[in-house]
Amino acid sequence: MEEAGEILLGHRHIPSDLRRPPKQRSAAEGPGDGYVDFINGMAEAVTHLPQTVGEQVRGARISAMERAKAALCAAQAKEAYALEQDIIARHREEGLYQQNPARGTGAEVALARKEAQHLGPRFVNYSRAMIEQMPYTFNALERGELTEERAMLMVSKTSDMHADVRRQIDRNMAGERGALEGVGTKQLASRIDKEALAYDGRVEANKQADAMVKRRVTLTPTPDGMMRLNALLTAAQGVAVKQALRAAASKLRSSEDRRTDDQTMADALVSGITGHANGLRPSLLVHLNMTDRTLLAGDSEPAHLYGYGTISAAHARWLIAGDRTSSEEESEVDVWMRRVYTAPTTGELLAMDSESRSVPPKLRDLIEIRDQFCRTPYCDAPIRHIDHVYQVRRGGTTTEINLDGRCVCCNQVKETEGWEEHLIRGQRHSILITTPGGQMYRAMAPPLPGTPESPPGSPKEP
């Protein structure tokens, strides 16, 4: 532990005997090697770091530890892949399990990872697919740009694709260094869907058609005398219902009302379905963000349905045109569509200014369409507040460029003393966030349909 601690703190280099091949080490050392001893010692050493440091050092430590965690996850995947190859080679040499030479690999890996054995093969498959077919994702994990969870997400969501398509998506998403910095899990999933649908939307179209046939509502009794309502709806129906419930809840609540938002939404749902006098059915507006090529030229560029996520080009056109074979009475949701077009290179939307501190409704819609999620890096929460990047009390204006979408928590945290936010010019709407501890992060608006991940000429770092 002392040796590992000295190495970790920079007082020593890795001993030369740790760089020797395992066969040159004493047989008395058992199945491990010097690197195992080093890793175990390092794990012990990090629990004894000096604590007489300031908040900036602690923030830097946390960031460094997160990067180390990701690097260890990548190294673990590499070891699992190599272990499978070693077991296959041994079984073939011994003439065992010819139909399944990798037999037993998953169980060994699961035990080593302290997981249930049925999870072992999944990790081995993930490791093999990432190393063989998604090298850029693997490199991003090694550098700490991805967590293991997000790397697994990229592998799993491309598992049904042809290997060549998978490699191309890997290159497009992770080929550029820093391309995935600040991207949360939901945003990452949306980008993967966008890439996948651009190459082949037939699988998604088939899934959508099958799901539409299976739409249903179920009521299940619960032991506490309640009923659980479950509904499987189309994307447009689901977004419309969610908007209606939120709008109804906000109008029903008063200062004396002790109900929670969830309770008010549940009551509004019942009122709307049963037709009681106090039921509210506001007009529904679905924001469908797409390019003119997708709408008019039959392009495969996916669209973004606000409140749902990425949808295929064919699905977007179906939402606008409707099903001509169905009668008007069969349409269960009456939806108004607002089509929003984006600049083909920069992804900019139309700017709107206001002289007041309050944000006009259409400008609010614009910000929600542009940002999609809370703009704090890695936060996937829904937008609840339209916030001034540079506060009004400090001279900030109510303009499209000085506004962003935030969840309630992030908007409140921003008011912490020492928290600074500034706009970064020259690229897709970006914000430089400096925490009170001195850590700096870049928050970039997600790319809109028809626009590149990184606008031409944009700086790589803030």
Protein backbone atom coordinates (compact mmCIF):
# COMPACT_ATOMS: atom_id res chain seq x y z
CA MET A 1 0.00 0.00 0.00
CA GLU A 2 2.86 2.37 0.84
CA GLU A 3 4.52 1.70 -2.52
CA ALA A 4 1.24 2.30 -4.38
CA GLY A 5 0.63 5.47 -2.38
CA GLU A 6 4.04 6.85 -3.27
CA ILE A 7 3.42 6.10 -6.94
CA LEU A 8 -0.08 7.64 -6.79
CA LEU A 9 1.26 10.82 -5.16
CA GLY A 10 3.99 11.11 -7.80
CA HIS A 11 6.96 10.35 -5.56
CA ARG A 12 7.96 7.21 -7.42
CA HIS A 13 7.62 5.66 -10.86
CA ILE A 14 6.23 2.19 -11.46
CA PRO A 15 8.91 -0.26 -10.28
CA SER A 16 10.81 -1.99 -13.03
CA ASP A 17 9.79 -5.44 -11.79
CA LEU A 18 6.15 -4.58 -12.51
CA ARG A 19 7.02 -4.15 -16.18
CA ARG A 20 8.51 -7.61 -16.49
CA PRO A 21 6.50 -10.32 -18.25
CA PRO A 22 4.57 -12.50 -15.77
CA LYS A 23 6.63 -15.62 -16.59
CA GLN A 24 9.80 -13.92 -15.27
CA ARG A 25 8.28 -13.46 -11.83
CA SER A 26 8.50 -16.01 -9.05
CA ALA A 27 6.07 -18.90 -9.24
CA ALA A 28 5.45 -18.42 -5.53
CA GLU A 29 3.51 -15.27 -6.32
CA GLY A 30 0.54 -17.34 -7.37
CA PRO A 31 -1.92 -16.47 -10.16
CA GLY A 32 -1.53 -12.71 -9.70
CA ASP A 33 1.21 -10.44 -11.02
CA GLY A 34 2.78 -7.20 -9.94
CA TYR A 35 0.08 -5.20 -11.63
CA VAL A 36 -2.59 -6.87 -9.52
CA ASP A 37 -0.61 -5.96 -6.43
CA PHE A 38 -0.24 -2.42 -7.71
CA ILE A 39 -3.96 -1.99 -8.50
CA ASN A 40 -4.95 -3.39 -5.12
CA GLY A 41 -2.45 -1.13 -3.41
CA MET A 42 -3.66 1.89 -5.35
CA ALA A 43 -7.26 1.14 -4.37
CA GLU A 44 -6.18 1.08 -0.75
CA ALA A 45 -4.02 4.18 -1.11
CA VAL A 46 -6.81 6.42 -2.41
CA THR A 47 -8.66 5.89 0.86
CA HIS A 48 -5.77 7.61 2.69
CA LEU A 49 -5.35 10.78 0.63
CA PRO A 50 -4.27 13.85 2.63
CA GLN A 51 -7.32 15.87 3.72
CA THR A 52 -5.61 19.21 4.44
CA VAL A 53 -6.60 20.66 1.07
CA GLY A 54 -9.00 23.32 -0.23
CA GLU A 55 -12.27 22.99 -2.15
CA GLN A 56 -10.63 23.54 -5.53
CA VAL A 57 -8.28 20.60 -4.95
CA ARG A 58 -11.19 18.44 -3.82
CA GLY A 59 -13.14 19.28 -6.97
CA ALA A 60 -10.09 18.41 -9.07
CA ARG A 61 -9.70 15.14 -7.19
CA ILE A 62 -13.31 14.16 -7.82
CA SER A 63 -12.88 14.89 -11.52
CA ALA A 64 -9.63 12.92 -11.65
CA MET A 65 -11.22 9.99 -9.82
CA GLU A 66 -14.12 9.92 -12.29
CA ARG A 67 -11.64 9.79 -15.15
CA ALA A 68 -9.74 7.01 -13.35
CA LYS A 69 -12.99 5.07 -12.84
CA ALA A 70 -13.71 5.24 -16.56
CA ALA A 71 -10.16 4.17 -17.43
CA LEU A 72 -10.44 1.23 -15.05
CA CYS A 73 -13.79 0.27 -16.63
CA ALA A 74 -12.14 0.29 -20.05
CA ALA A 75 -9.22 -1.77 -18.73
CA GLN A 76 -11.67 -4.22 -17.15
CA ALA A 77 -13.48 -4.62 -20.47
CA LYS A 78 -10.14 -5.26 -22.18
CA GLU A 79 -9.26 -7.92 -19.58
CA ALA A 80 -12.67 -9.60 -19.98
CA TYR A 81 -12.19 -9.70 -23.75
CA ALA A 82 -8.67 -11.13 -23.38
CA LEU A 83 -9.89 -13.67 -20.81
CA GLU A 84 -12.46 -14.93 -23.29
CA GLN A 85 -9.75 -15.31 -25.95
CA ASP A 86 -7.51 -17.19 -23.47
CA ILE A 87 -10.34 -19.56 -22.49
CA ILE A 88 -11.23 -20.19 -26.14
CA ALA A 89 -7.58 -20.97 -26.96
CA ARG A 90 -7.26 -23.32 -24.00
CA HIS A 91 -10.46 -25.18 -24.81
CA ARG A 92 -9.43 -25.60 -28.43
CA GLU A 93 -6.01 -26.84 -27.41
CA GLU A 94 -7.62 -29.35 -25.03
CA GLY A 95 -10.34 -30.29 -27.54
CA LEU A 96 -13.15 -29.22 -25.24
CA TYR A 97 -16.50 -27.54 -25.97
CA GLN A 98 -16.04 -27.32 -29.72
CA GLN A 99 -19.55 -25.96 -30.20
CA ASN A 100 -19.05 -23.30 -27.53
CA PRO A 101 -15.32 -22.80 -26.85
CA ALA A 102 -16.01 -19.68 -24.74
CA ARG A 103 -18.01 -21.68 -22.22
CA GLY A 104 -17.50 -20.53 -18.64
CA THR A 105 -16.16 -17.08 -19.50
CA GLY A 106 -19.28 -15.26 -18.41
CA ALA A 107 -19.38 -16.98 -15.04
CA GLU A 108 -15.72 -16.17 -14.32
CA VAL A 109 -16.17 -12.54 -15.27
CA ALA A 110 -19.37 -12.20 -13.22
CA LEU A 111 -17.71 -13.58 -10.11
CA ALA A 112 -14.70 -11.32 -10.58
CA ARG A 113 -17.07 -8.33 -10.90
CA LYS A 114 -19.11 -9.49 -7.88
CA GLU A 115 -22.25 -9.86 -9.99
CA ALA A 116 -24.84 -12.56 -10.53
CA GLN A 117 -23.56 -15.08 -13.04
CA HIS A 118 -26.30 -14.42 -15.57
CA LEU A 119 -24.87 -10.90 -15.95
CA GLY A 120 -21.40 -12.17 -16.90
CA PRO A 121 -22.11 -13.05 -20.55
CA ARG A 122 -23.70 -9.64 -21.08
CA PHE A 123 -20.53 -7.90 -19.92
CA VAL A 124 -18.34 -10.17 -22.06
CA ASN A 125 -20.50 -9.49 -25.13
CA TYR A 126 -20.37 -5.76 -24.40
CA SER A 127 -16.58 -5.86 -24.07
CA ARG A 128 -16.11 -7.83 -27.28
CA ALA A 129 -18.44 -5.64 -29.32
CA MET A 130 -16.88 -2.40 -28.07
CA ILE A 131 -13.29 -3.50 -28.66
CA GLU A 132 -13.85 -5.16 -32.03
CA GLN A 133 -16.48 -2.89 -33.60
CA MET A 134 -16.58 0.37 -31.60
CA PRO A 135 -12.95 1.40 -30.97
CA TYR A 136 -13.73 5.12 -30.72
CA THR A 137 -16.25 4.45 -27.96
CA PHE A 138 -13.63 2.38 -26.18
CA ASN A 139 -11.07 5.18 -26.50
CA ALA A 140 -13.58 7.71 -25.15
CA LEU A 141 -14.15 5.45 -22.15
CA GLU A 142 -10.40 5.17 -21.61
CA ARG A 143 -10.06 8.97 -21.67
CA GLY A 144 -12.91 9.43 -19.21
CA GLU A 145 -15.31 11.15 -21.63
CA LEU A 146 -17.83 8.32 -21.13
CA THR A 147 -18.93 6.46 -18.05
CA GLU A 148 -19.30 2.69 -18.22
CA GLU A 149 -23.09 3.09 -18.19
CA ARG A 150 -23.03 5.36 -21.25
CA ALA A 151 -20.53 3.17 -23.09
CA MET A 152 -22.82 0.18 -22.48
CA LEU A 153 -25.74 2.26 -23.77
CA MET A 154 -23.92 2.99 -27.04
CA VAL A 155 -23.11 -0.70 -27.49
CA SER A 156 -26.59 -1.97 -26.62
CA LYS A 157 -28.50 0.50 -28.80
CA THR A 158 -26.44 -0.52 -31.86
CA SER A 159 -26.51 -4.26 -31.18
CA ASP A 160 -29.06 -5.04 -33.93
CA MET A 161 -27.15 -3.17 -36.64
CA HIS A 162 -24.78 -4.43 -39.29
CA ALA A 163 -21.16 -4.28 -38.15
CA ASP A 164 -20.24 -1.70 -40.83
CA VAL A 165 -23.11 0.58 -39.82
CA ARG A 166 -22.13 0.16 -36.19
CA ARG A 167 -18.54 1.19 -36.94
CA GLN A 168 -19.73 4.25 -38.85
CA ILE A 169 -22.00 5.35 -36.00
CA ASP A 170 -19.10 4.81 -33.60
CA ARG A 171 -16.90 7.06 -35.74
CA ASN A 172 -19.57 9.74 -36.13
CA MET A 173 -20.36 9.97 -32.43
CA ALA A 174 -17.03 9.35 -30.71
CA GLY A 175 -14.44 9.79 -33.44
CA GLU A 176 -13.63 13.36 -32.47
CA ARG A 177 -11.89 13.89 -29.15
CA GLY A 178 -14.19 15.61 -26.68
CA ALA A 179 -17.33 15.05 -28.78
CA LEU A 180 -19.18 13.41 -25.88
CA GLU A 181 -18.09 15.74 -23.09
CA GLY A 182 -21.09 17.14 -21.21
CA VAL A 183 -23.61 14.83 -22.89
CA GLY A 184 -26.09 13.24 -20.46
CA THR A 185 -27.50 9.73 -20.74
CA LYS A 186 -30.84 10.71 -22.29
CA GLN A 187 -29.18 13.08 -24.76
CA LEU A 188 -26.72 10.34 -25.70
CA ALA A 189 -29.58 7.90 -26.32
CA SER A 190 -31.33 10.50 -28.48
CA ARG A 191 -28.18 11.03 -30.56
CA ILE A 192 -27.74 7.29 -31.05
CA ASP A 193 -31.35 7.03 -32.23
CA LYS A 194 -30.75 9.91 -34.63
CA GLU A 195 -27.69 8.22 -36.11
CA ALA A 196 -29.37 4.83 -36.34
CA LEU A 197 -32.54 6.14 -37.97
CA ALA A 198 -30.53 8.10 -40.51
CA TYR A 199 -28.96 4.85 -41.77
CA ASP A 200 -32.00 2.60 -41.66
CA GLY A 201 -35.45 3.50 -40.33
CA ARG A 202 -37.17 0.29 -41.41
CA VAL A 203 -36.68 -1.51 -38.10
CA GLU A 204 -37.97 1.50 -36.19
CA ALA A 205 -40.92 1.85 -38.56
CA ASN A 206 -41.85 -1.80 -38.04
CA LYS A 207 -41.61 -1.41 -34.26
CA GLN A 208 -43.80 1.70 -34.40
CA ALA A 209 -46.45 -0.02 -36.54
CA ASP A 210 -46.50 -3.01 -34.19
CA ALA A 211 -46.74 -0.75 -31.13
CA MET A 212 -49.68 1.18 -32.60
CA VAL A 213 -51.64 -2.04 -32.93
CA LYS A 214 -50.91 -2.84 -29.25
CA ARG A 215 -51.99 0.53 -27.80
CA ARG A 216 -54.12 -0.06 -24.73
CA VAL A 217 -55.14 1.11 -21.24
CA THR A 218 -55.08 -1.20 -18.23
CA LEU A 219 -56.30 -0.75 -14.65
CA THR A 220 -54.64 -2.90 -11.98
CA PRO A 221 -55.83 -3.06 -8.34
CA THR A 222 -53.16 -2.43 -5.69
CA PRO A 223 -53.11 -3.85 -2.12
CA ASP A 224 -53.72 -0.41 -0.58
CA GLY A 225 -57.17 0.03 -2.12
CA MET A 226 -55.97 2.06 -5.12
CA MET A 227 -55.98 1.37 -8.84
CA ARG A 228 -52.95 1.67 -11.07
CA LEU A 229 -53.69 3.09 -14.51
CA ASN A 230 -51.32 2.08 -17.31
CA ALA A 231 -51.66 3.33 -20.86
CA LEU A 232 -49.62 2.38 -23.93
CA LEU A 233 -50.12 5.22 -26.41
CA THR A 234 -48.57 6.50 -29.58
CA ALA A 235 -45.88 9.16 -29.21
CA ALA A 236 -48.25 11.98 -30.23
CA GLN A 237 -50.97 10.78 -27.89
CA GLY A 238 -48.53 10.44 -25.00
CA VAL A 239 -47.09 13.92 -25.46
CA ALA A 240 -50.58 15.39 -25.76
CA VAL A 241 -51.78 13.68 -22.55
CA LYS A 242 -48.69 14.81 -20.62
CA GLN A 243 -49.11 18.41 -21.78
CA ALA A 244 -52.79 18.40 -20.92
CA LEU A 245 -52.21 17.05 -17.39
CA ARG A 246 -49.46 19.56 -16.62
CA ALA A 247 -51.51 22.45 -17.92
CA ALA A 248 -54.57 21.31 -15.98
CA ALA A 249 -52.58 20.84 -12.77
CA SER A 250 -51.04 24.31 -12.96
CA LYS A 251 -54.49 25.89 -13.36
CA LEU A 252 -56.16 23.83 -10.62
CA ARG A 253 -53.52 24.52 -7.99
CA SER A 254 -53.95 27.51 -5.70
CA SER A 255 -52.00 28.89 -2.76
CA GLU A 256 -54.38 27.14 -0.33
CA ASP A 257 -54.32 23.85 -2.22
CA ARG A 258 -52.42 21.22 -0.25
CA ARG A 259 -52.32 18.70 -3.07
CA THR A 260 -49.00 17.86 -4.69
CA ASP A 261 -48.46 18.29 -8.42
CA ASP A 262 -48.79 14.53 -8.90
CA GLN A 263 -52.08 14.45 -7.01
CA THR A 264 -53.45 17.39 -8.97
CA MET A 265 -52.48 15.75 -12.26
CA ALA A 266 -54.18 12.52 -11.21
CA ASP A 267 -57.36 14.44 -10.32
CA ALA A 268 -57.21 16.34 -13.59
CA LEU A 269 -56.89 13.06 -15.48
CA VAL A 270 -60.04 11.69 -13.89
CA SER A 271 -61.93 14.95 -14.48
CA GLY A 272 -60.93 15.01 -18.11
CA ILE A 273 -61.90 11.41 -18.77
CA THR A 274 -65.18 11.49 -16.88
CA GLY A 275 -66.23 14.89 -18.23
CA HIS A 276 -66.85 16.51 -14.84
CA ALA A 277 -67.51 20.24 -14.87
CA ASN A 278 -64.11 21.11 -13.46
CA GLY A 279 -62.28 19.08 -16.09
CA LEU A 280 -59.85 21.04 -18.29
CA ARG A 281 -58.89 20.20 -21.86
CA PRO A 282 -56.50 22.93 -23.10
CA SER A 283 -55.41 23.14 -26.70
CA LEU A 284 -52.47 20.87 -27.42
CA LEU A 285 -49.35 21.94 -29.28
CA VAL A 286 -46.78 19.44 -30.45
CA HIS A 287 -43.43 20.89 -31.54
CA LEU A 288 -42.04 18.82 -34.39
CA ASN A 289 -38.49 19.87 -35.24
CA MET A 290 -37.37 18.74 -38.70
CA THR A 291 -35.58 19.85 -41.85
CA ASP A 292 -37.32 20.84 -45.06
CA ARG A 293 -35.54 17.93 -46.75
CA THR A 294 -37.25 15.50 -44.38
CA LEU A 295 -40.67 17.09 -44.94
CA LEU A 296 -40.61 17.73 -48.67
CA ALA A 297 -37.88 15.63 -50.28
CA GLY A 298 -38.32 12.30 -48.52
CA ASP A 299 -34.93 12.58 -46.76
CA SER A 300 -34.08 10.09 -44.00
CA GLU A 301 -32.83 12.76 -41.54
CA PRO A 302 -34.67 12.00 -38.26
CA ALA A 303 -36.87 14.62 -36.59
CA HIS A 304 -37.26 15.58 -32.94
CA LEU A 305 -40.70 15.48 -31.30
CA TYR A 306 -40.52 17.78 -28.29
CA GLY A 307 -41.59 15.96 -25.16
CA TYR A 308 -40.78 12.54 -26.65
CA GLY A 309 -37.41 12.47 -28.41
CA THR A 310 -35.98 11.42 -31.77
CA ILE A 311 -38.37 9.89 -34.31
CA SER A 312 -37.81 8.59 -37.82
CA ALA A 313 -38.41 10.77 -40.88
CA ALA A 314 -41.27 8.53 -41.99
CA HIS A 315 -42.94 8.82 -38.59
CA ALA A 316 -42.62 12.63 -38.68
CA ARG A 317 -44.23 12.80 -42.11
CA TRP A 318 -47.00 10.47 -40.91
CA LEU A 319 -47.71 12.75 -37.94
CA ILE A 320 -48.17 15.71 -40.28
CA ALA A 321 -50.07 14.01 -43.08
CA GLY A 322 -52.07 11.66 -40.86
CA ASP A 323 -53.53 8.34 -41.87
CA ARG A 324 -55.65 8.99 -44.95
CA THR A 325 -57.24 5.55 -44.66
CA SER A 326 -58.75 6.25 -41.23
CA SER A 327 -62.01 8.07 -40.67
CA GLU A 328 -62.05 11.33 -38.75
CA GLU A 329 -63.97 9.69 -35.90
CA GLU A 330 -61.13 7.21 -35.33
CA SER A 331 -58.62 9.96 -34.58
CA GLU A 332 -58.24 9.89 -30.79
CA VAL A 333 -55.97 12.94 -30.40
CA ASP A 334 -56.44 16.30 -32.11
CA VAL A 335 -52.94 17.76 -32.40
CA TRP A 336 -51.73 21.10 -33.74
CA MET A 337 -48.24 20.86 -35.24
CA ARG A 338 -45.67 23.65 -35.15
CA ARG A 339 -42.88 22.81 -37.59
CA VAL A 340 -39.56 24.40 -36.68
CA TYR A 341 -36.81 24.62 -39.27
CA THR A 342 -33.10 24.86 -38.54
CA ALA A 343 -30.15 26.40 -40.38
CA PRO A 344 -28.40 23.59 -42.33
CA THR A 345 -24.91 24.22 -40.87
CA THR A 346 -25.06 26.11 -37.57
CA GLY A 347 -28.34 24.74 -36.21
CA GLU A 348 -29.49 28.22 -35.19
CA LEU A 349 -33.16 28.99 -34.65
CA LEU A 350 -34.84 32.35 -35.22
CA ALA A 351 -33.82 34.82 -32.48
CA MET A 352 -36.46 36.80 -30.60
CA ASP A 353 -35.86 39.73 -28.24
CA SER A 354 -37.87 41.17 -25.38
CA GLU A 355 -37.54 44.35 -23.33
CA SER A 356 -39.16 42.74 -20.26
CA ARG A 357 -37.69 40.37 -17.72
CA SER A 358 -40.50 37.85 -18.23
CA VAL A 359 -40.09 35.57 -21.23
CA PRO A 360 -42.85 35.78 -23.88
CA PRO A 361 -44.62 32.48 -24.58
CA LYS A 362 -43.26 32.05 -28.13
CA LEU A 363 -39.71 32.82 -27.01
CA ARG A 364 -40.15 30.26 -24.22
CA ASP A 365 -41.23 27.71 -26.83
CA LEU A 366 -38.15 28.54 -28.90
CA ILE A 367 -35.77 27.97 -25.97
CA GLU A 368 -37.45 24.67 -25.03
CA ILE A 369 -37.17 23.43 -28.61
CA ARG A 370 -33.52 24.47 -28.85
CA ASP A 371 -32.33 23.07 -25.51
CA GLN A 372 -34.60 19.97 -25.13
CA PHE A 373 -33.11 19.14 -21.70
CA CYS A 374 -31.74 21.07 -18.74
CA ARG A 375 -28.59 22.80 -20.01
CA THR A 376 -26.40 21.87 -17.05
CA PRO A 377 -23.86 19.28 -18.33
CA TYR A 378 -24.94 15.65 -17.75
CA CYS A 379 -28.37 16.69 -16.41
CA ASP A 380 -31.19 15.04 -18.37
CA ALA A 381 -34.02 16.57 -16.34
CA PRO A 382 -36.97 18.20 -18.15
CA ILE A 383 -36.91 21.97 -18.55
CA ARG A 384 -38.94 23.70 -15.86
CA HIS A 385 -37.49 27.24 -15.87
CA ILE A 386 -36.37 29.52 -18.68
CA ASP A 387 -33.33 31.14 -17.09
CA HIS A 388 -31.14 34.15 -17.89
CA VAL A 389 -27.57 32.98 -18.46
CA TYR A 390 -26.26 36.36 -17.32
CA GLN A 391 -28.65 37.49 -14.60
CA VAL A 392 -30.96 40.47 -15.12
CA ARG A 393 -29.74 42.03 -11.87
CA ARG A 394 -26.26 42.13 -13.42
CA GLY A 395 -27.41 43.63 -16.69
CA GLY A 396 -28.50 40.52 -18.61
CA THR A 397 -31.16 40.92 -21.30
CA THR A 398 -34.18 38.80 -22.21
CA THR A 399 -32.95 37.56 -25.57
CA GLU A 400 -32.72 34.17 -27.20
CA ILE A 401 -28.94 34.07 -26.80
CA ASN A 402 -29.05 35.02 -23.09
CA LEU A 403 -31.73 32.45 -22.19
CA ASP A 404 -31.50 28.75 -21.56
CA GLY A 405 -33.65 25.95 -20.17
CA ARG A 406 -33.02 24.61 -16.67
CA CYS A 407 -34.60 22.24 -14.22
CA VAL A 408 -35.66 23.67 -10.85
CA CYS A 409 -32.65 22.30 -8.96
CA CYS A 410 -30.00 23.55 -11.42
CA ASN A 411 -31.63 26.98 -11.63
CA GLN A 412 -31.44 27.31 -7.84
CA VAL A 413 -27.87 26.01 -7.61
CA LYS A 414 -26.78 28.65 -10.10
CA GLU A 415 -27.45 31.34 -7.51
CA THR A 416 -24.73 29.92 -5.24
CA GLU A 417 -22.09 32.49 -4.38
CA GLY A 418 -19.14 32.19 -6.74
CA TRP A 419 -21.08 30.38 -9.49
CA GLU A 420 -20.41 32.13 -12.83
CA GLU A 421 -21.88 31.57 -16.28
CA HIS A 422 -20.88 33.27 -19.52
CA LEU A 423 -21.81 32.82 -23.17
CA ILE A 424 -19.25 31.39 -25.59
CA ARG A 425 -19.42 33.02 -29.01
CA GLY A 426 -18.67 31.43 -32.35
CA GLN A 427 -20.42 28.07 -32.12
CA ARG A 428 -23.77 26.43 -31.39
CA HIS A 429 -25.32 28.08 -28.34
CA SER A 430 -22.76 27.39 -25.61
CA ILE A 431 -22.23 28.43 -22.01
CA LEU A 432 -19.05 28.39 -19.94
CA ILE A 433 -19.83 27.42 -16.35
CA THR A 434 -17.33 28.13 -13.57
CA THR A 435 -18.14 26.61 -10.19
CA PRO A 436 -17.21 28.20 -6.86
CA GLY A 437 -14.44 25.63 -6.57
CA GLY A 438 -12.83 26.83 -9.81
CA GLN A 439 -13.87 23.90 -12.05
CA MET A 440 -14.91 24.85 -15.59
CA TYR A 441 -17.48 23.09 -17.78
CA ARG A 442 -18.93 23.78 -21.21
CA ALA A 443 -22.67 23.38 -21.78
CA MET A 444 -23.60 23.20 -25.48
CA ALA A 445 -27.14 23.02 -26.84
CA PRO A 446 -27.86 19.63 -28.48
CA PRO A 447 -27.64 19.50 -32.29
CA LEU A 448 -30.94 19.96 -34.08
CA PRO A 449 -32.08 17.91 -37.10
CA GLY A 450 -30.03 18.58 -40.21
CA THR A 451 -27.05 20.06 -38.36
CA PRO A 452 -23.61 18.62 -37.58
CA GLU A 453 -22.54 17.67 -34.06
CA SER A 454 -19.86 20.40 -34.11
CA PRO A 455 -20.55 23.52 -36.25
CA PRO A 456 -17.78 24.33 -38.78
CA GLY A 457 -15.08 26.53 -37.31
CA SER A 458 -16.21 26.04 -33.71
CA PRO A 459 -13.49 25.89 -31.09
CA LYS A 460 -12.72 22.50 -29.59
CA GLU A 461 -12.31 23.82 -26.05
CA PRO A 462 -13.82 26.83 -24.24
